[in-house]
PDB file of N, CA and C in Angstrom:
ATOM      1  N   MET A   1     -14.074 -41.939 -25.982  1.00  0.00           N
ATOM      2  CA  MET A   1     -12.694 -42.375 -25.818  1.00  0.00           C
ATOM      3  C   MET A   1     -11.820 -41.132 -25.670  1.00  0.00           C
ATOM      4  N   ASN A   2     -10.987 -41.083 -24.663  1.00  0.00           N
ATOM      5  CA  ASN A   2     -10.152 -39.900 -24.469  1.00  0.00           C
ATOM      6  C   ASN A   2      -8.898 -39.974 -25.335  1.00  0.00           C
ATOM      7  N   LEU A   3      -8.208 -38.853 -25.427  1.00  0.00           N
ATOM      8  CA  LEU A   3      -7.050 -38.726 -26.300  1.00  0.00           C
ATOM      9  C   LEU A   3      -5.919 -39.649 -25.863  1.00  0.00           C
ATOM     10  N   PHE A   4      -5.710 -39.765 -24.567  1.00  0.00           N
ATOM     11  CA  PHE A   4      -4.634 -40.617 -24.067  1.00  0.00           C
ATOM     12  C   PHE A   4      -4.841 -42.074 -24.473  1.00  0.00           C
ATOM     13  N   ALA A   5      -6.061 -42.573 -24.300  1.00  0.00           N
ATOM     14  CA  ALA A   5      -6.357 -43.960 -24.662  1.00  0.00           C
ATOM     15  C   ALA A   5      -6.222 -44.158 -26.168  1.00  0.00           C
ATOM     16  N   PHE A   6      -6.608 -43.152 -26.936  1.00  0.00           N
ATOM     17  CA  PHE A   6      -6.504 -43.240 -28.390  1.00  0.00           C
ATOM     18  C   PHE A   6      -5.045 -43.344 -28.821  1.00  0.00           C
ATOM     19  N   LEU A   7      -4.175 -42.522 -28.230  1.00  0.00           N
ATOM     20  CA  LEU A   7      -2.764 -42.562 -28.596  1.00  0.00           C
ATOM     21  C   LEU A   7      -2.110 -43.866 -28.174  1.00  0.00           C
ATOM     22  N   MET A   8      -2.504 -44.387 -27.028  1.00  0.00           N
ATOM     23  CA  MET A   8      -1.942 -45.659 -26.582  1.00  0.00           C
ATOM     24  C   MET A   8      -2.383 -46.801 -27.498  1.00  0.00           C
ATOM     25  N   ALA A   9      -3.618 -46.746 -27.959  1.00  0.00           N
ATOM     26  CA  ALA A   9      -4.122 -47.788 -28.845  1.00  0.00           C
ATOM     27  C   ALA A   9      -3.492 -47.681 -30.228  1.00  0.00           C
ATOM     28  N   ALA A  10      -3.177 -46.447 -30.642  1.00  0.00           N
ATOM     29  CA  ALA A  10      -2.631 -46.229 -31.975  1.00  0.00           C
ATOM     30  C   ALA A  10      -1.128 -46.486 -32.042  1.00  0.00           C
ATOM     31  N   ALA A  11      -0.458 -46.602 -30.905  1.00  0.00           N
ATOM     32  CA  ALA A  11       0.980 -46.822 -30.895  1.00  0.00           C
ATOM     33  C   ALA A  11       1.289 -48.202 -31.469  1.00  0.00           C
ATOM     34  N   PRO A  12       2.221 -48.242 -32.420  1.00  0.00           N
ATOM     35  CA  PRO A  12       2.555 -49.539 -33.018  1.00  0.00           C
ATOM     36  C   PRO A  12       3.319 -50.416 -32.024  1.00  0.00           C
ATOM     37  N   THR A  13       2.835 -51.601 -31.830  1.00  0.00           N
ATOM     38  CA  THR A  13       3.507 -52.535 -30.918  1.00  0.00           C
ATOM     39  C   THR A  13       3.634 -53.893 -31.604  1.00  0.00           C
ATOM     40  N   ALA A  14       4.681 -54.574 -31.253  1.00  0.00           N
ATOM     41  CA  ALA A  14       4.855 -55.943 -31.739  1.00  0.00           C
ATOM     42  C   ALA A  14       4.210 -56.874 -30.720  1.00  0.00           C
ATOM     43  N   GLU A  15       3.950 -58.086 -31.143  1.00  0.00           N
ATOM     44  CA  GLU A  15       3.327 -59.051 -30.234  1.00  0.00           C
ATOM     45  C   GLU A  15       4.210 -59.260 -29.010  1.00  0.00           C
ATOM     46  N   GLY A  16       3.622 -59.098 -27.831  1.00  0.00           N
ATOM     47  CA  GLY A  16       4.344 -59.351 -26.599  1.00  0.00           C
ATOM     48  C   GLY A  16       5.139 -58.168 -26.079  1.00  0.00           C
ATOM     49  N   GLN A  17       5.184 -57.066 -26.813  1.00  0.00           N
ATOM     50  CA  GLN A  17       5.916 -55.888 -26.353  1.00  0.00           C
ATOM     51  C   GLN A  17       4.942 -54.812 -25.898  1.00  0.00           C
ATOM     52  N   GLN A  18       5.379 -54.016 -24.952  1.00  0.00           N
ATOM     53  CA  GLN A  18       4.544 -52.919 -24.488  1.00  0.00           C
ATOM     54  C   GLN A  18       4.830 -51.669 -25.317  1.00  0.00           C
ATOM     55  N   ALA A  19       3.854 -50.721 -25.283  1.00  0.00           N
ATOM     56  CA  ALA A  19       4.021 -49.472 -26.023  1.00  0.00           C
ATOM     57  C   ALA A  19       5.104 -48.626 -25.363  1.00  0.00           C
ATOM     58  N   ASN A  20       5.710 -47.769 -26.151  1.00  0.00           N
ATOM     59  CA  ASN A  20       6.750 -46.867 -25.675  1.00  0.00           C
ATOM     60  C   ASN A  20       6.140 -45.869 -24.680  1.00  0.00           C
ATOM     61  N   PRO A  21       6.685 -45.735 -23.463  1.00  0.00           N
ATOM     62  CA  PRO A  21       6.095 -44.814 -22.477  1.00  0.00           C
ATOM     63  C   PRO A  21       6.197 -43.346 -22.897  1.00  0.00           C
ATOM     64  N   ILE A  22       7.119 -43.020 -23.765  1.00  0.00           N
ATOM     65  CA  ILE A  22       7.248 -41.630 -24.238  1.00  0.00           C
ATOM     66  C   ILE A  22       6.019 -41.230 -25.048  1.00  0.00           C
ATOM     67  N   VAL A  23       5.448 -42.174 -25.764  1.00  0.00           N
ATOM     68  CA  VAL A  23       4.245 -41.883 -26.544  1.00  0.00           C
ATOM     69  C   VAL A  23       3.099 -41.504 -25.610  1.00  0.00           C
ATOM     70  N   GLY A  24       3.048 -42.093 -24.436  1.00  0.00           N
ATOM     71  CA  GLY A  24       2.013 -41.769 -23.469  1.00  0.00           C
ATOM     72  C   GLY A  24       2.201 -40.385 -22.850  1.00  0.00           C
ATOM     73  N   LEU A  25       3.432 -39.922 -22.751  1.00  0.00           N
ATOM     74  CA  LEU A  25       3.718 -38.606 -22.177  1.00  0.00           C
ATOM     75  C   LEU A  25       3.639 -37.485 -23.206  1.00  0.00           C
ATOM     76  N   LEU A  26       3.596 -37.830 -24.465  1.00  0.00           N
ATOM     77  CA  LEU A  26       3.571 -36.829 -25.528  1.00  0.00           C
ATOM     78  C   LEU A  26       2.391 -35.854 -25.421  1.00  0.00           C
ATOM     79  N   PRO A  27       1.171 -36.297 -25.160  1.00  0.00           N
ATOM     80  CA  PRO A  27       0.060 -35.330 -25.045  1.00  0.00           C
ATOM     81  C   PRO A  27       0.238 -34.355 -23.889  1.00  0.00           C
ATOM     82  N   ILE A  28       0.774 -34.815 -22.776  1.00  0.00           N
ATOM     83  CA  ILE A  28       1.011 -33.925 -21.634  1.00  0.00           C
ATOM     84  C   ILE A  28       2.047 -32.872 -22.002  1.00  0.00           C
ATOM     85  N   PHE A  29       3.098 -33.288 -22.676  1.00  0.00           N
ATOM     86  CA  PHE A  29       4.130 -32.358 -23.124  1.00  0.00           C
ATOM     87  C   PHE A  29       3.551 -31.336 -24.107  1.00  0.00           C
ATOM     88  N   LEU A  30       2.725 -31.782 -25.034  1.00  0.00           N
ATOM     89  CA  LEU A  30       2.120 -30.868 -26.007  1.00  0.00           C
ATOM     90  C   LEU A  30       1.205 -29.846 -25.333  1.00  0.00           C
ATOM     91  N   VAL A  31       0.466 -30.256 -24.321  1.00  0.00           N
ATOM     92  CA  VAL A  31      -0.392 -29.321 -23.588  1.00  0.00           C
ATOM     93  C   VAL A  31       0.462 -28.265 -22.901  1.00  0.00           C
ATOM     94  N   PHE A  32       1.590 -28.667 -22.298  1.00  0.00           N
ATOM     95  CA  PHE A  32       2.482 -27.708 -21.654  1.00  0.00           C
ATOM     96  C   PHE A  32       3.044 -26.713 -22.663  1.00  0.00           C
ATOM     97  N   VAL A  33       3.445 -27.184 -23.831  1.00  0.00           N
ATOM     98  CA  VAL A  33       3.986 -26.303 -24.870  1.00  0.00           C
ATOM     99  C   VAL A  33       2.923 -25.289 -25.313  1.00  0.00           C
ATOM    100  N   VAL A  34       1.690 -25.745 -25.501  1.00  0.00           N
ATOM    101  CA  VAL A  34       0.614 -24.845 -25.902  1.00  0.00           C
ATOM    102  C   VAL A  34       0.365 -23.805 -24.811  1.00  0.00           C
ATOM    103  N   PHE A  35       0.310 -24.225 -23.559  1.00  0.00           N
ATOM    104  CA  PHE A  35       0.120 -23.280 -22.454  1.00  0.00           C
ATOM    105  C   PHE A  35       1.252 -22.264 -22.417  1.00  0.00           C
ATOM    106  N   TYR A  36       2.474 -22.709 -22.633  1.00  0.00           N
ATOM    107  CA  TYR A  36       3.611 -21.792 -22.584  1.00  0.00           C
ATOM    108  C   TYR A  36       3.489 -20.712 -23.656  1.00  0.00           C
ATOM    109  N   PHE A  37       3.205 -21.112 -24.893  1.00  0.00           N
ATOM    110  CA  PHE A  37       3.182 -20.139 -25.981  1.00  0.00           C
ATOM    111  C   PHE A  37       1.934 -19.262 -25.995  1.00  0.00           C
ATOM    112  N   PHE A  38       0.835 -19.724 -25.442  1.00  0.00           N
ATOM    113  CA  PHE A  38      -0.387 -18.926 -25.468  1.00  0.00           C
ATOM    114  C   PHE A  38      -0.685 -18.195 -24.163  1.00  0.00           C
ATOM    115  N   LEU A  39      -0.123 -18.630 -23.039  1.00  0.00           N
ATOM    116  CA  LEU A  39      -0.436 -18.001 -21.760  1.00  0.00           C
ATOM    117  C   LEU A  39       0.788 -17.439 -21.046  1.00  0.00           C
ATOM    118  N   ILE A  40       1.803 -18.237 -20.841  1.00  0.00           N
ATOM    119  CA  ILE A  40       2.935 -17.833 -20.016  1.00  0.00           C
ATOM    120  C   ILE A  40       3.824 -16.822 -20.730  1.00  0.00           C
ATOM    121  N   ARG A  41       4.215 -17.095 -21.949  1.00  0.00           N
ATOM    122  CA  ARG A  41       5.143 -16.228 -22.673  1.00  0.00           C
ATOM    123  C   ARG A  41       4.574 -14.832 -22.916  1.00  0.00           C
ATOM    124  N   PRO A  42       3.328 -14.670 -23.388  1.00  0.00           N
ATOM    125  CA  PRO A  42       2.801 -13.309 -23.575  1.00  0.00           C
ATOM    126  C   PRO A  42       2.698 -12.532 -22.256  1.00  0.00           C
ATOM    127  N   GLU A  43       2.380 -13.211 -21.177  1.00  0.00           N
ATOM    128  CA  GLU A  43       2.291 -12.533 -19.876  1.00  0.00           C
ATOM    129  C   GLU A  43       3.661 -12.035 -19.426  1.00  0.00           C
ATOM    130  N   LYS A  44       4.705 -12.831 -19.646  1.00  0.00           N
ATOM    131  CA  LYS A  44       6.057 -12.405 -19.292  1.00  0.00           C
ATOM    132  C   LYS A  44       6.479 -11.205 -20.121  1.00  0.00           C
ATOM    133  N   LYS A  45       6.154 -11.201 -21.411  1.00  0.00           N
ATOM    134  CA  LYS A  45       6.494 -10.066 -22.273  1.00  0.00           C
ATOM    135  C   LYS A  45       5.777  -8.805 -21.811  1.00  0.00           C
ATOM    136  N   LYS A  46       4.513  -8.937 -21.450  1.00  0.00           N
ATOM    137  CA  LYS A  46       3.725  -7.790 -20.984  1.00  0.00           C
ATOM    138  C   LYS A  46       4.307  -7.232 -19.690  1.00  0.00           C
ATOM    139  N   ASN A  47       4.634  -8.098 -18.741  1.00  0.00           N
ATOM    140  CA  ASN A  47       5.207  -7.661 -17.469  1.00  0.00           C
ATOM    141  C   ASN A  47       6.562  -6.988 -17.659  1.00  0.00           C
ATOM    142  N   LYS A  48       7.366  -7.494 -18.588  1.00  0.00           N
ATOM    143  CA  LYS A  48       8.670  -6.897 -18.862  1.00  0.00           C
ATOM    144  C   LYS A  48       8.501  -5.495 -19.459  1.00  0.00           C
ATOM    145  N   LYS A  49       7.544  -5.333 -20.352  1.00  0.00           N
ATOM    146  CA  LYS A  49       7.295  -4.033 -20.976  1.00  0.00           C
ATOM    147  C   LYS A  49       6.817  -3.013 -19.933  1.00  0.00           C
ATOM    148  N   ILE A  50       5.943  -3.431 -19.023  1.00  0.00           N
ATOM    149  CA  ILE A  50       5.450  -2.540 -17.971  1.00  0.00           C
ATOM    150  C   ILE A  50       6.590  -2.151 -17.034  1.00  0.00           C
ATOM    151  N   ALA A  51       7.446  -3.103 -16.681  1.00  0.00           N
ATOM    152  CA  ALA A  51       8.575  -2.807 -15.799  1.00  0.00           C
ATOM    153  C   ALA A  51       9.534  -1.816 -16.447  1.00  0.00           C
ATOM    154  N   GLU A  52       9.775  -1.956 -17.751  1.00  0.00           N
ATOM    155  CA  GLU A  52      10.639  -1.014 -18.461  1.00  0.00           C
ATOM    156  C   GLU A  52      10.028   0.383 -18.477  1.00  0.00           C
ATOM    157  N   MET A  53       8.695   0.460 -18.669  1.00  0.00           N
ATOM    158  CA  MET A  53       8.015   1.752 -18.669  1.00  0.00           C
ATOM    159  C   MET A  53       8.141   2.409 -17.299  1.00  0.00           C
ATOM    160  N   ARG A  54       7.955   1.663 -16.235  1.00  0.00           N
ATOM    161  CA  ARG A  54       8.038   2.224 -14.884  1.00  0.00           C
ATOM    162  C   ARG A  54       9.459   2.661 -14.549  1.00  0.00           C
ATOM    163  N   ASP A  55      10.452   1.942 -15.059  1.00  0.00           N
ATOM    164  CA  ASP A  55      11.845   2.330 -14.815  1.00  0.00           C
ATOM    165  C   ASP A  55      12.240   3.580 -15.600  1.00  0.00           C
ATOM    166  N   SER A  56      11.558   3.856 -16.700  1.00  0.00           N
ATOM    167  CA  SER A  56      11.914   5.007 -17.535  1.00  0.00           C
ATOM    168  C   SER A  56      11.155   6.279 -17.156  1.00  0.00           C
ATOM    169  N   LEU A  57      10.375   6.252 -16.091  1.00  0.00           N
ATOM    170  CA  LEU A  57       9.615   7.439 -15.683  1.00  0.00           C
ATOM    171  C   LEU A  57      10.558   8.555 -15.246  1.00  0.00           C
ATOM    172  N   ARG A  58      10.231   9.789 -15.662  1.00  0.00           N
ATOM    173  CA  ARG A  58      11.013  10.970 -15.321  1.00  0.00           C
ATOM    174  C   ARG A  58      10.086  12.055 -14.802  1.00  0.00           C
ATOM    175  N   VAL A  59      10.654  13.034 -14.105  1.00  0.00           N
ATOM    176  CA  VAL A  59       9.881  14.175 -13.621  1.00  0.00           C
ATOM    177  C   VAL A  59       9.306  14.912 -14.828  1.00  0.00           C
ATOM    178  N   GLY A  60       8.009  15.243 -14.752  1.00  0.00           N
ATOM    179  CA  GLY A  60       7.334  15.936 -15.842  1.00  0.00           C
ATOM    180  C   GLY A  60       6.503  15.027 -16.724  1.00  0.00           C
ATOM    181  N   ASP A  61       6.653  13.715 -16.587  1.00  0.00           N
ATOM    182  CA  ASP A  61       5.871  12.763 -17.392  1.00  0.00           C
ATOM    183  C   ASP A  61       4.419  12.755 -16.924  1.00  0.00           C
ATOM    184  N   GLU A  62       3.495  12.684 -17.876  1.00  0.00           N
ATOM    185  CA  GLU A  62       2.074  12.515 -17.579  1.00  0.00           C
ATOM    186  C   GLU A  62       1.812  11.020 -17.447  1.00  0.00           C
ATOM    187  N   VAL A  63       1.167  10.616 -16.348  1.00  0.00           N
ATOM    188  CA  VAL A  63       0.906   9.200 -16.101  1.00  0.00           C
ATOM    189  C   VAL A  63      -0.530   8.999 -15.645  1.00  0.00           C
ATOM    190  N   VAL A  64      -0.988   7.757 -15.788  1.00  0.00           N
ATOM    191  CA  VAL A  64      -2.281   7.334 -15.262  1.00  0.00           C
ATOM    192  C   VAL A  64      -2.000   6.170 -14.330  1.00  0.00           C
ATOM    193  N   THR A  65      -2.511   6.250 -13.106  1.00  0.00           N
ATOM    194  CA  THR A  65      -2.272   5.183 -12.137  1.00  0.00           C
ATOM    195  C   THR A  65      -3.222   4.027 -12.396  1.00  0.00           C
ATOM    196  N   ILE A  66      -2.986   2.915 -11.708  1.00  0.00           N
ATOM    197  CA  ILE A  66      -3.870   1.763 -11.873  1.00  0.00           C
ATOM    198  C   ILE A  66      -5.238   2.028 -11.265  1.00  0.00           C
ATOM    199  N   GLY A  67      -5.331   3.074 -10.434  1.00  0.00           N
ATOM    200  CA  GLY A  67      -6.608   3.476  -9.856  1.00  0.00           C
ATOM    201  C   GLY A  67      -7.342   4.510 -10.695  1.00  0.00           C
ATOM    202  N   GLY A  68      -6.704   4.986 -11.778  1.00  0.00           N
ATOM    203  CA  GLY A  68      -7.349   5.932 -12.681  1.00  0.00           C
ATOM    204  C   GLY A  68      -7.012   7.388 -12.435  1.00  0.00           C
ATOM    205  N   ILE A  69      -6.078   7.683 -11.539  1.00  0.00           N
ATOM    206  CA  ILE A  69      -5.682   9.069 -11.278  1.00  0.00           C
ATOM    207  C   ILE A  69      -4.729   9.519 -12.371  1.00  0.00           C
ATOM    208  N   VAL A  70      -5.021  10.677 -12.957  1.00  0.00           N
ATOM    209  CA  VAL A  70      -4.176  11.245 -14.004  1.00  0.00           C
ATOM    210  C   VAL A  70      -3.382  12.381 -13.398  1.00  0.00           C
ATOM    211  N   GLY A  71      -2.092  12.406 -13.632  1.00  0.00           N
ATOM    212  CA  GLY A  71      -1.264  13.472 -13.067  1.00  0.00           C
ATOM    213  C   GLY A  71       0.082  13.553 -13.728  1.00  0.00           C
ATOM    214  N   ARG A  72       0.831  14.570 -13.306  1.00  0.00           N
ATOM    215  CA  ARG A  72       2.189  14.808 -13.809  1.00  0.00           C
ATOM    216  C   ARG A  72       3.150  14.528 -12.662  1.00  0.00           C
ATOM    217  N   ILE A  73       4.230  13.817 -12.955  1.00  0.00           N
ATOM    218  CA  ILE A  73       5.212  13.483 -11.934  1.00  0.00           C
ATOM    219  C   ILE A  73       5.968  14.747 -11.547  1.00  0.00           C
ATOM    220  N   SER A  74       5.985  15.052 -10.243  1.00  0.00           N
ATOM    221  CA  SER A  74       6.708  16.231  -9.772  1.00  0.00           C
ATOM    222  C   SER A  74       7.968  15.856  -8.995  1.00  0.00           C
ATOM    223  N   ASN A  75       8.030  14.624  -8.486  1.00  0.00           N
ATOM    224  CA  ASN A  75       9.196  14.204  -7.717  1.00  0.00           C
ATOM    225  C   ASN A  75       9.276  12.685  -7.728  1.00  0.00           C
ATOM    226  N   ILE A  76      10.502  12.181  -7.810  1.00  0.00           N
ATOM    227  CA  ILE A  76      10.732  10.740  -7.728  1.00  0.00           C
ATOM    228  C   ILE A  76      11.784  10.520  -6.646  1.00  0.00           C
ATOM    229  N   ASN A  77      11.450   9.709  -5.662  1.00  0.00           N
ATOM    230  CA  ASN A  77      12.365   9.399  -4.567  1.00  0.00           C
ATOM    231  C   ASN A  77      12.389   7.886  -4.403  1.00  0.00           C
ATOM    232  N   GLY A  78      13.281   7.219  -5.125  1.00  0.00           N
ATOM    233  CA  GLY A  78      13.356   5.758  -5.088  1.00  0.00           C
ATOM    234  C   GLY A  78      12.110   5.149  -5.702  1.00  0.00           C
ATOM    235  N   ASP A  79      11.360   4.383  -4.912  1.00  0.00           N
ATOM    236  CA  ASP A  79      10.127   3.771  -5.404  1.00  0.00           C
ATOM    237  C   ASP A  79       8.909   4.624  -5.122  1.00  0.00           C
ATOM    238  N   GLN A  80       9.106   5.787  -4.517  1.00  0.00           N
ATOM    239  CA  GLN A  80       7.976   6.660  -4.207  1.00  0.00           C
ATOM    240  C   GLN A  80       7.922   7.807  -5.212  1.00  0.00           C
ATOM    241  N   ILE A  81       6.734   8.044  -5.761  1.00  0.00           N
ATOM    242  CA  ILE A  81       6.518   9.084  -6.775  1.00  0.00           C
ATOM    243  C   ILE A  81       5.476  10.058  -6.259  1.00  0.00           C
ATOM    244  N   THR A  82       5.711  11.354  -6.508  1.00  0.00           N
ATOM    245  CA  THR A  82       4.744  12.386  -6.148  1.00  0.00           C
ATOM    246  C   THR A  82       4.109  12.903  -7.432  1.00  0.00           C
ATOM    247  N   LEU A  83       2.771  12.854  -7.489  1.00  0.00           N
ATOM    248  CA  LEU A  83       2.021  13.327  -8.651  1.00  0.00           C
ATOM    249  C   LEU A  83       1.332  14.640  -8.336  1.00  0.00           C
ATOM    250  N   GLU A  84       1.295  15.529  -9.310  1.00  0.00           N
ATOM    251  CA  GLU A  84       0.472  16.732  -9.228  1.00  0.00           C
ATOM    252  C   GLU A  84      -0.774  16.455 -10.042  1.00  0.00           C
ATOM    253  N   THR A  85      -1.939  16.635  -9.430  1.00  0.00           N
ATOM    254  CA  THR A  85      -3.189  16.347 -10.126  1.00  0.00           C
ATOM    255  C   THR A  85      -4.084  17.567 -10.113  1.00  0.00           C
ATOM    256  N   GLY A  86      -4.882  17.708 -11.167  1.00  0.00           N
ATOM    257  CA  GLY A  86      -5.902  18.751 -11.226  1.00  0.00           C
ATOM    258  C   GLY A  86      -5.347  20.146 -11.406  1.00  0.00           C
ATOM    259  N   ALA A  87      -6.268  21.120 -11.535  1.00  0.00           N
ATOM    260  CA  ALA A  87      -5.904  22.514 -11.739  1.00  0.00           C
ATOM    261  C   ALA A  87      -5.301  23.118 -10.473  1.00  0.00           C
ATOM    262  N   ASP A  88      -5.664  22.601  -9.299  1.00  0.00           N
ATOM    263  CA  ASP A  88      -5.139  23.107  -8.030  1.00  0.00           C
ATOM    264  C   ASP A  88      -3.745  22.568  -7.730  1.00  0.00           C
ATOM    265  N   ARG A  89      -3.259  21.685  -8.569  1.00  0.00           N
ATOM    266  CA  ARG A  89      -1.940  21.065  -8.431  1.00  0.00           C
ATOM    267  C   ARG A  89      -1.788  20.364  -7.087  1.00  0.00           C
ATOM    268  N   ASN A  90      -2.818  19.605  -6.733  1.00  0.00           N
ATOM    269  CA  ASN A  90      -2.755  18.798  -5.513  1.00  0.00           C
ATOM    270  C   ASN A  90      -1.680  17.741  -5.678  1.00  0.00           C
ATOM    271  N   LYS A  91      -0.970  17.444  -4.593  1.00  0.00           N
ATOM    272  CA  LYS A  91       0.116  16.465  -4.661  1.00  0.00           C
ATOM    273  C   LYS A  91      -0.313  15.177  -3.985  1.00  0.00           C
ATOM    274  N   VAL A  92      -0.048  14.074  -4.660  1.00  0.00           N
ATOM    275  CA  VAL A  92      -0.391  12.740  -4.161  1.00  0.00           C
ATOM    276  C   VAL A  92       0.872  11.883  -4.234  1.00  0.00           C
ATOM    277  N   LYS A  93       1.228  11.248  -3.109  1.00  0.00           N
ATOM    278  CA  LYS A  93       2.376  10.344  -3.095  1.00  0.00           C
ATOM    279  C   LYS A  93       1.891   8.926  -3.322  1.00  0.00           C
ATOM    280  N   MET A  94       2.619   8.194  -4.131  1.00  0.00           N
ATOM    281  CA  MET A  94       2.281   6.794  -4.391  1.00  0.00           C
ATOM    282  C   MET A  94       3.533   6.035  -4.780  1.00  0.00           C
ATOM    283  N   MET A  95       3.400   4.740  -4.813  1.00  0.00           N
ATOM    284  CA  MET A  95       4.522   3.871  -5.153  1.00  0.00           C
ATOM    285  C   MET A  95       4.650   3.741  -6.668  1.00  0.00           C
ATOM    286  N   ARG A  96       5.843   3.450  -7.110  1.00  0.00           N
ATOM    287  CA  ARG A  96       6.117   3.328  -8.550  1.00  0.00           C
ATOM    288  C   ARG A  96       5.282   2.223  -9.200  1.00  0.00           C
ATOM    289  N   TRP A  97       5.044   1.113  -8.452  1.00  0.00           N
ATOM    290  CA  TRP A  97       4.279   0.001  -9.027  1.00  0.00           C
ATOM    291  C   TRP A  97       2.829   0.371  -9.286  1.00  0.00           C
ATOM    292  N   ALA A  98       2.347   1.498  -8.725  1.00  0.00           N
ATOM    293  CA  ALA A  98       0.960   1.908  -8.913  1.00  0.00           C
ATOM    294  C   ALA A  98       0.735   2.651 -10.217  1.00  0.00           C
ATOM    295  N   ILE A  99       1.788   2.909 -10.976  1.00  0.00           N
ATOM    296  CA  ILE A  99       1.645   3.595 -12.267  1.00  0.00           C
ATOM    297  C   ILE A  99       1.202   2.565 -13.296  1.00  0.00           C
ATOM    298  N   GLY A 100       0.076   2.851 -13.949  1.00  0.00           N
ATOM    299  CA  GLY A 100      -0.469   1.930 -14.940  1.00  0.00           C
ATOM    300  C   GLY A 100       0.043   2.188 -16.339  1.00  0.00           C
ATOM    301  N   THR A 101      -0.043   3.446 -16.788  1.00  0.00           N
ATOM    302  CA  THR A 101       0.414   3.796 -18.133  1.00  0.00           C
ATOM    303  C   THR A 101       1.059   5.163 -18.117  1.00  0.00           C
ATOM    304  N   LYS A 102       1.873   5.397 -19.102  1.00  0.00           N
ATOM    305  CA  LYS A 102       2.516   6.692 -19.307  1.00  0.00           C
ATOM    306  C   LYS A 102       1.826   7.339 -20.501  1.00  0.00           C
ATOM    307  N   ALA A 103       1.250   8.517 -20.287  1.00  0.00           N
ATOM    308  CA  ALA A 103       0.525   9.189 -21.366  1.00  0.00           C
ATOM    309  C   ALA A 103       1.530   9.750 -22.361  1.00  0.00           C
ATOM    310  N   GLU A 104       1.236   9.578 -23.622  1.00  0.00           N
ATOM    311  CA  GLU A 104       2.087  10.116 -24.669  1.00  0.00           C
ATOM    312  C   GLU A 104       1.776  11.587 -24.882  1.00  0.00           C
ATOM    313  N   LYS A 105       2.665  12.319 -25.519  1.00  0.00           N
ATOM    314  CA  LYS A 105       2.470  13.760 -25.728  1.00  0.00           C
ATOM    315  C   LYS A 105       1.236  14.029 -26.582  1.00  0.00           C
ATOM    316  N   ASP A 106       0.938  13.165 -27.556  1.00  0.00           N
ATOM    317  CA  ASP A 106      -0.241  13.348 -28.407  1.00  0.00           C
ATOM    318  C   ASP A 106      -1.519  13.233 -27.600  1.00  0.00           C
ATOM    319  N   GLU A 107      -1.556  12.293 -26.661  1.00  0.00           N
ATOM    320  CA  GLU A 107      -2.753  12.107 -25.831  1.00  0.00           C
ATOM    321  C   GLU A 107      -2.974  13.307 -24.916  1.00  0.00           C
ATOM    322  N   VAL A 108      -1.889  13.877 -24.383  1.00  0.00           N
ATOM    323  CA  VAL A 108      -1.989  15.015 -23.462  1.00  0.00           C
ATOM    324  C   VAL A 108      -2.508  16.236 -24.205  1.00  0.00           C
ATOM    325  N   SER A 109      -1.982  16.496 -25.411  1.00  0.00           N
ATOM    326  CA  SER A 109      -2.414  17.674 -26.164  1.00  0.00           C
ATOM    327  C   SER A 109      -3.844  17.506 -26.655  1.00  0.00           C
ATOM    328  N   ALA A 110      -4.281  16.302 -26.969  1.00  0.00           N
ATOM    329  CA  ALA A 110      -5.666  16.073 -27.407  1.00  0.00           C
ATOM    330  C   ALA A 110      -6.621  16.280 -26.251  1.00  0.00           C
ATOM    331  N   ASP A 111      -6.237  15.900 -25.034  1.00  0.00           N
ATOM    332  CA  ASP A 111      -7.088  16.101 -23.874  1.00  0.00           C
ATOM    333  C   ASP A 111      -7.220  17.581 -23.513  1.00  0.00           C
ATOM    334  N   ALA A 112      -6.168  18.363 -23.764  1.00  0.00           N
ATOM    335  CA  ALA A 112      -6.191  19.783 -23.431  1.00  0.00           C
ATOM    336  C   ALA A 112      -7.130  20.550 -24.341  1.00  0.00           C
ATOM    337  N   GLU A 113      -7.310  20.075 -25.568  1.00  0.00           N
ATOM    338  CA  GLU A 113      -8.169  20.771 -26.537  1.00  0.00           C
ATOM    339  C   GLU A 113      -9.570  20.404 -26.340  1.00  0.00           C
TER     340      GLU A 113
END
């Protein structure tokens, strides 16, 4: 027996009256609420945090791209960022949305040692 049929059978009804249609929609509403709090809301918070991090990027910040390239920002021109990578200080141009994480100062100093 499925949940919908169980709720419809459990709804109190008087002789000759039909069950309240809101009781039938209650399980669908509850599923939407659960999806919102467990899937949609955390994803929105994560996307907002990433967008704030990308907007706060400055020249000299150590970053890791979504492709795994580690570098230091040498120039920012709108949505285009230039990274210096490696000991040869090679320059790579990429879009701001391609930045995955911003390395913290503790992580940079630990990698240098």
